[in-house]
């Protein structure tokens, strides 16, 4: 699952709709683009035999909410989520998607450091 935060989508939408050929660009197209990104990441990360067990998805919204929703909807047995190290200042000022998911899901979570 690749989630595009709503604010990024809105900025992207404004920019891309300024191009006449993309004036009708939609949320569905953004989610398809995000799903294609997730598919490329899965292909680069997994062995070919594992691809059949993965369903790449794309969503637009709050990353934590979308991840937790997908976990419930798909009845996931566990999650694998990437994270990057943060400075103490960053931890104090900004939320962490990984941390919020860890604290709010009922399934085991494997974190992979980027």
N, C-alpha and C. Protein backbone atom coordinates (compact mmCIF):
# COMPACT_ATOMS: atom_id res chain seq x y z
N UNK A 1 0.85 -1.17 0.00
CA UNK A 1 0.00 0.00 0.00
C UNK A 1 0.89 1.23 0.00
N UNK A 2 0.63 2.10 -0.95
CA UNK A 2 1.32 3.39 -0.95
C UNK A 2 0.24 4.45 -0.77
N UNK A 3 0.41 5.28 0.27
CA UNK A 3 -0.57 6.31 0.57
C UNK A 3 0.02 7.68 0.23
N UNK A 4 -0.70 8.41 -0.58
CA UNK A 4 -0.34 9.79 -0.89
C UNK A 4 -1.12 10.67 0.07
N UNK A 5 -0.43 11.44 0.92
CA UNK A 5 -1.16 12.32 1.84
C UNK A 5 -2.04 13.30 1.07
N UNK A 6 -3.18 13.61 1.64
CA UNK A 6 -4.15 14.48 0.99
C UNK A 6 -3.52 15.80 0.55
N UNK A 7 -2.69 16.39 1.39
CA UNK A 7 -2.07 17.69 1.04
C UNK A 7 -1.18 17.56 -0.19
N UNK A 8 -0.46 16.44 -0.30
CA UNK A 8 0.38 16.22 -1.49
C UNK A 8 -0.48 16.04 -2.74
N UNK A 9 -1.57 15.29 -2.59
CA UNK A 9 -2.47 15.09 -3.73
C UNK A 9 -3.05 16.42 -4.20
N UNK A 10 -3.49 17.24 -3.25
CA UNK A 10 -4.10 18.52 -3.63
C UNK A 10 -3.10 19.42 -4.35
N UNK A 11 -1.84 19.44 -3.88
CA UNK A 11 -0.81 20.24 -4.55
C UNK A 11 -0.52 19.68 -5.94
N UNK A 12 -0.42 18.36 -6.01
CA UNK A 12 -0.17 17.69 -7.29
C UNK A 12 -1.32 17.95 -8.25
N UNK A 13 -2.55 17.85 -7.75
CA UNK A 13 -3.73 18.05 -8.58
C UNK A 13 -3.74 19.45 -9.18
N UNK A 14 -3.44 20.45 -8.38
CA UNK A 14 -3.41 21.83 -8.86
C UNK A 14 -2.36 21.98 -9.97
N UNK A 15 -1.18 21.40 -9.74
CA UNK A 15 -0.10 21.51 -10.73
C UNK A 15 -0.43 20.78 -12.02
N UNK A 16 -0.91 19.57 -11.89
CA UNK A 16 -1.13 18.76 -13.10
C UNK A 16 -2.34 19.24 -13.89
N UNK A 17 -3.36 19.75 -13.20
CA UNK A 17 -4.54 20.25 -13.93
C UNK A 17 -4.25 21.55 -14.68
N UNK A 18 -3.13 22.19 -14.36
CA UNK A 18 -2.74 23.40 -15.09
C UNK A 18 -2.29 23.06 -16.51
N UNK A 19 -2.00 21.79 -16.74
CA UNK A 19 -1.62 21.32 -18.08
C UNK A 19 -2.91 20.91 -18.79
N UNK A 20 -3.23 21.55 -19.90
CA UNK A 20 -4.52 21.29 -20.56
C UNK A 20 -4.83 19.81 -20.80
N UNK A 21 -3.83 19.02 -21.16
CA UNK A 21 -4.07 17.61 -21.45
C UNK A 21 -4.46 16.82 -20.20
N UNK A 22 -4.22 17.38 -19.01
CA UNK A 22 -4.52 16.69 -17.75
C UNK A 22 -5.58 17.42 -16.93
N UNK A 23 -6.38 18.25 -17.58
CA UNK A 23 -7.39 19.04 -16.87
C UNK A 23 -8.41 18.17 -16.14
N UNK A 24 -8.58 16.93 -16.57
CA UNK A 24 -9.57 16.05 -15.93
C UNK A 24 -8.91 15.01 -15.02
N UNK A 25 -7.66 15.24 -14.61
CA UNK A 25 -6.96 14.31 -13.72
C UNK A 25 -7.78 14.14 -12.44
N UNK A 26 -7.88 12.88 -11.96
CA UNK A 26 -8.80 12.60 -10.85
C UNK A 26 -8.13 11.86 -9.69
N UNK A 27 -8.87 11.76 -8.61
CA UNK A 27 -8.44 11.00 -7.44
C UNK A 27 -8.17 9.55 -7.83
N UNK A 28 -9.01 8.99 -8.65
CA UNK A 28 -8.83 7.59 -9.09
C UNK A 28 -7.50 7.43 -9.81
N UNK A 29 -7.15 8.37 -10.66
CA UNK A 29 -5.87 8.30 -11.37
C UNK A 29 -4.70 8.41 -10.41
N UNK A 30 -4.83 9.26 -9.38
CA UNK A 30 -3.76 9.40 -8.39
C UNK A 30 -3.59 8.09 -7.61
N UNK A 31 -4.71 7.46 -7.25
CA UNK A 31 -4.65 6.19 -6.53
C UNK A 31 -4.06 5.09 -7.41
N UNK A 32 -4.38 5.10 -8.70
CA UNK A 32 -3.78 4.13 -9.62
C UNK A 32 -2.27 4.35 -9.73
N UNK A 33 -1.86 5.60 -9.77
CA UNK A 33 -0.43 5.92 -9.81
C UNK A 33 0.27 5.44 -8.55
N UNK A 34 -0.37 5.65 -7.40
CA UNK A 34 0.19 5.18 -6.13
C UNK A 34 0.27 3.66 -6.10
N UNK A 35 -0.74 2.98 -6.64
CA UNK A 35 -0.73 1.52 -6.69
C UNK A 35 0.39 1.02 -7.60
N UNK A 36 0.61 1.71 -8.72
CA UNK A 36 1.71 1.33 -9.61
C UNK A 36 3.06 1.50 -8.92
N UNK A 37 3.20 2.55 -8.12
CA UNK A 37 4.42 2.75 -7.35
C UNK A 37 4.61 1.60 -6.37
N UNK A 38 3.53 1.24 -5.66
CA UNK A 38 3.60 0.13 -4.70
C UNK A 38 3.98 -1.17 -5.41
N UNK A 39 3.46 -1.37 -6.60
CA UNK A 39 3.78 -2.58 -7.37
C UNK A 39 5.26 -2.62 -7.75
N UNK A 40 5.81 -1.47 -8.17
CA UNK A 40 7.23 -1.41 -8.52
C UNK A 40 8.10 -1.69 -7.31
N UNK A 41 7.74 -1.13 -6.17
CA UNK A 41 8.50 -1.38 -4.94
C UNK A 41 8.44 -2.85 -4.57
N UNK A 42 7.27 -3.45 -4.67
CA UNK A 42 7.12 -4.87 -4.36
C UNK A 42 7.99 -5.72 -5.28
N UNK A 43 7.99 -5.40 -6.56
CA UNK A 43 8.81 -6.17 -7.51
C UNK A 43 10.30 -6.05 -7.20
N UNK A 44 10.73 -4.87 -6.80
CA UNK A 44 12.14 -4.67 -6.48
C UNK A 44 12.53 -5.34 -5.16
N UNK A 45 11.56 -5.52 -4.30
CA UNK A 45 11.83 -6.02 -2.96
C UNK A 45 11.65 -7.53 -2.82
N UNK A 46 10.67 -8.07 -3.50
CA UNK A 46 10.30 -9.47 -3.32
C UNK A 46 10.84 -10.37 -4.42
N UNK A 47 11.00 -11.63 -4.10
CA UNK A 47 11.31 -12.62 -5.12
C UNK A 47 10.08 -12.79 -6.00
N UNK A 48 10.30 -13.25 -7.23
CA UNK A 48 9.18 -13.42 -8.16
C UNK A 48 8.09 -14.31 -7.59
N UNK A 49 8.47 -15.35 -6.86
CA UNK A 49 7.48 -16.28 -6.34
C UNK A 49 6.58 -15.63 -5.30
N UNK A 50 7.02 -14.55 -4.69
CA UNK A 50 6.22 -13.88 -3.66
C UNK A 50 5.21 -12.90 -4.25
N UNK A 51 5.39 -12.48 -5.49
CA UNK A 51 4.51 -11.48 -6.08
C UNK A 51 3.05 -11.92 -6.10
N UNK A 52 2.80 -13.19 -6.25
CA UNK A 52 1.42 -13.66 -6.32
C UNK A 52 0.68 -13.49 -5.00
N UNK A 53 1.41 -13.30 -3.91
CA UNK A 53 0.80 -13.17 -2.59
C UNK A 53 0.66 -11.72 -2.15
N UNK A 54 0.98 -10.79 -3.04
CA UNK A 54 0.96 -9.37 -2.70
C UNK A 54 -0.03 -8.65 -3.60
N UNK A 55 -0.84 -7.77 -3.01
CA UNK A 55 -1.78 -6.98 -3.78
C UNK A 55 -1.43 -5.50 -3.61
N UNK A 56 -0.65 -4.93 -4.53
CA UNK A 56 -0.29 -3.52 -4.41
C UNK A 56 -1.54 -2.64 -4.48
N UNK A 57 -1.59 -1.65 -3.62
CA UNK A 57 -2.73 -0.73 -3.57
C UNK A 57 -2.23 0.69 -3.45
N UNK A 58 -3.04 1.62 -3.90
CA UNK A 58 -2.76 3.03 -3.75
C UNK A 58 -3.96 3.75 -3.18
N UNK A 59 -3.71 4.66 -2.27
CA UNK A 59 -4.79 5.44 -1.66
C UNK A 59 -4.32 6.87 -1.45
N UNK A 60 -5.29 7.75 -1.33
CA UNK A 60 -5.04 9.15 -0.99
C UNK A 60 -5.75 9.41 0.33
N UNK A 61 -5.05 10.03 1.27
CA UNK A 61 -5.66 10.33 2.56
C UNK A 61 -4.61 10.43 3.64
N UNK A 62 -5.05 10.31 4.89
CA UNK A 62 -4.12 10.30 6.01
C UNK A 62 -3.42 8.94 6.04
N UNK A 63 -2.09 8.90 5.95
CA UNK A 63 -1.40 7.61 5.88
C UNK A 63 -1.75 6.64 7.00
N UNK A 64 -1.81 7.13 8.23
CA UNK A 64 -2.11 6.23 9.35
C UNK A 64 -3.52 5.66 9.19
N UNK A 65 -4.49 6.52 8.95
CA UNK A 65 -5.87 6.06 8.79
C UNK A 65 -6.01 5.07 7.64
N UNK A 66 -5.37 5.37 6.53
CA UNK A 66 -5.47 4.49 5.36
C UNK A 66 -4.82 3.14 5.61
N UNK A 67 -3.68 3.14 6.27
CA UNK A 67 -2.99 1.87 6.58
C UNK A 67 -3.84 1.04 7.53
N UNK A 68 -4.36 1.67 8.58
CA UNK A 68 -5.18 0.94 9.54
C UNK A 68 -6.47 0.43 8.90
N UNK A 69 -7.07 1.24 8.03
CA UNK A 69 -8.28 0.82 7.32
C UNK A 69 -8.01 -0.38 6.41
N UNK A 70 -6.90 -0.31 5.67
CA UNK A 70 -6.55 -1.43 4.78
C UNK A 70 -6.26 -2.69 5.58
N UNK A 71 -5.64 -2.53 6.74
CA UNK A 71 -5.35 -3.68 7.60
C UNK A 71 -6.64 -4.39 8.00
N UNK A 72 -7.65 -3.61 8.37
CA UNK A 72 -8.94 -4.19 8.74
C UNK A 72 -9.67 -4.76 7.54
N UNK A 73 -9.75 -3.98 6.48
CA UNK A 73 -10.49 -4.39 5.29
C UNK A 73 -9.96 -5.69 4.71
N UNK A 74 -8.63 -5.81 4.68
CA UNK A 74 -8.00 -6.99 4.09
C UNK A 74 -7.80 -8.12 5.10
N UNK A 75 -8.18 -7.87 6.35
CA UNK A 75 -7.98 -8.85 7.42
C UNK A 75 -6.52 -9.32 7.43
N UNK A 76 -5.61 -8.34 7.42
CA UNK A 76 -4.17 -8.62 7.36
C UNK A 76 -3.71 -9.37 8.61
N UNK A 77 -2.81 -10.31 8.39
CA UNK A 77 -2.24 -11.06 9.52
C UNK A 77 -1.10 -10.29 10.15
N UNK A 78 -0.41 -9.46 9.38
CA UNK A 78 0.67 -8.62 9.89
C UNK A 78 0.94 -7.51 8.89
N UNK A 79 1.72 -6.52 9.31
CA UNK A 79 2.10 -5.40 8.46
C UNK A 79 3.62 -5.33 8.36
N UNK A 80 4.09 -4.90 7.22
CA UNK A 80 5.50 -4.56 7.04
C UNK A 80 5.50 -3.10 6.63
N UNK A 81 6.20 -2.27 7.40
CA UNK A 81 6.18 -0.83 7.14
C UNK A 81 7.59 -0.28 7.19
N UNK A 82 7.91 0.59 6.25
CA UNK A 82 9.22 1.22 6.22
C UNK A 82 9.26 2.42 7.15
N UNK A 83 10.43 2.71 7.65
CA UNK A 83 10.60 3.92 8.47
C UNK A 83 12.01 4.43 8.28
N UNK A 84 12.20 5.67 8.65
CA UNK A 84 13.54 6.26 8.59
C UNK A 84 13.85 6.85 9.97
N UNK A 85 15.13 6.83 10.32
CA UNK A 85 15.51 7.37 11.64
C UNK A 85 15.18 8.86 11.73
N UNK A 86 14.78 9.28 12.92
CA UNK A 86 14.44 10.69 13.13
C UNK A 86 15.28 11.26 14.26
N UNK A 87 15.57 12.52 14.17
CA UNK A 87 16.33 13.20 15.22
C UNK A 87 15.40 13.41 16.43
N UNK A 88 15.98 13.66 17.61
CA UNK A 88 15.14 13.95 18.79
C UNK A 88 14.20 15.14 18.57
N UNK A 89 14.68 16.16 17.87
CA UNK A 89 13.84 17.32 17.59
C UNK A 89 12.67 16.94 16.70
N UNK A 90 12.96 16.16 15.67
CA UNK A 90 11.91 15.70 14.77
C UNK A 90 10.87 14.88 15.51
N UNK A 91 11.32 14.04 16.43
CA UNK A 91 10.40 13.23 17.20
C UNK A 91 9.47 14.08 18.05
N UNK A 92 10.00 15.18 18.58
CA UNK A 92 9.21 16.06 19.45
C UNK A 92 8.21 16.91 18.66
N UNK A 93 8.57 17.28 17.43
CA UNK A 93 7.75 18.22 16.67
C UNK A 93 6.77 17.55 15.72
N UNK A 94 7.13 16.41 15.21
CA UNK A 94 6.31 15.77 14.18
C UNK A 94 5.90 14.37 14.61
N UNK A 95 4.74 13.94 14.12
CA UNK A 95 4.30 12.58 14.38
C UNK A 95 5.03 11.61 13.48
N UNK A 96 4.97 10.37 13.82
CA UNK A 96 5.56 9.34 13.01
C UNK A 96 4.46 8.39 12.56
N UNK A 97 4.35 8.21 11.26
CA UNK A 97 3.36 7.27 10.73
C UNK A 97 3.61 5.89 11.31
N UNK A 98 4.86 5.45 11.29
CA UNK A 98 5.19 4.12 11.81
C UNK A 98 4.79 4.00 13.27
N UNK A 99 5.14 4.99 14.07
CA UNK A 99 4.82 4.96 15.49
C UNK A 99 3.31 4.91 15.71
N UNK A 100 2.57 5.72 14.99
CA UNK A 100 1.11 5.75 15.13
C UNK A 100 0.48 4.42 14.73
N UNK A 101 1.00 3.82 13.67
CA UNK A 101 0.48 2.51 13.25
C UNK A 101 0.79 1.48 14.32
N UNK A 102 2.03 1.48 14.82
CA UNK A 102 2.41 0.52 15.86
C UNK A 102 1.49 0.63 17.08
N UNK A 103 1.13 1.84 17.45
CA UNK A 103 0.32 2.06 18.65
C UNK A 103 -1.17 1.79 18.45
N UNK A 104 -1.61 1.75 17.18
CA UNK A 104 -3.05 1.66 16.93
C UNK A 104 -3.51 0.43 16.17
N UNK A 105 -2.64 -0.50 15.92
CA UNK A 105 -3.06 -1.72 15.21
C UNK A 105 -3.04 -2.90 16.16
N UNK A 106 -3.83 -3.89 15.83
CA UNK A 106 -3.88 -5.10 16.66
C UNK A 106 -3.09 -6.25 16.04
N UNK A 107 -2.48 -6.00 14.89
CA UNK A 107 -1.70 -7.06 14.23
C UNK A 107 -0.21 -6.80 14.42
N UNK A 108 0.60 -7.85 14.35
CA UNK A 108 2.06 -7.66 14.46
C UNK A 108 2.58 -6.76 13.33
N UNK A 109 3.59 -5.96 13.64
CA UNK A 109 4.18 -5.05 12.68
C UNK A 109 5.68 -5.30 12.59
N UNK A 110 6.16 -5.45 11.37
CA UNK A 110 7.60 -5.55 11.11
C UNK A 110 8.01 -4.22 10.51
N UNK A 111 9.00 -3.56 11.13
CA UNK A 111 9.48 -2.30 10.57
C UNK A 111 10.81 -2.54 9.86
N UNK A 112 10.92 -1.87 8.72
CA UNK A 112 12.13 -1.99 7.90
C UNK A 112 12.73 -0.60 7.80
N UNK A 113 13.96 -0.47 8.24
CA UNK A 113 14.62 0.84 8.20
C UNK A 113 15.03 1.18 6.78
N UNK A 114 14.68 2.38 6.34
CA UNK A 114 15.01 2.83 4.98
C UNK A 114 16.44 3.29 4.92
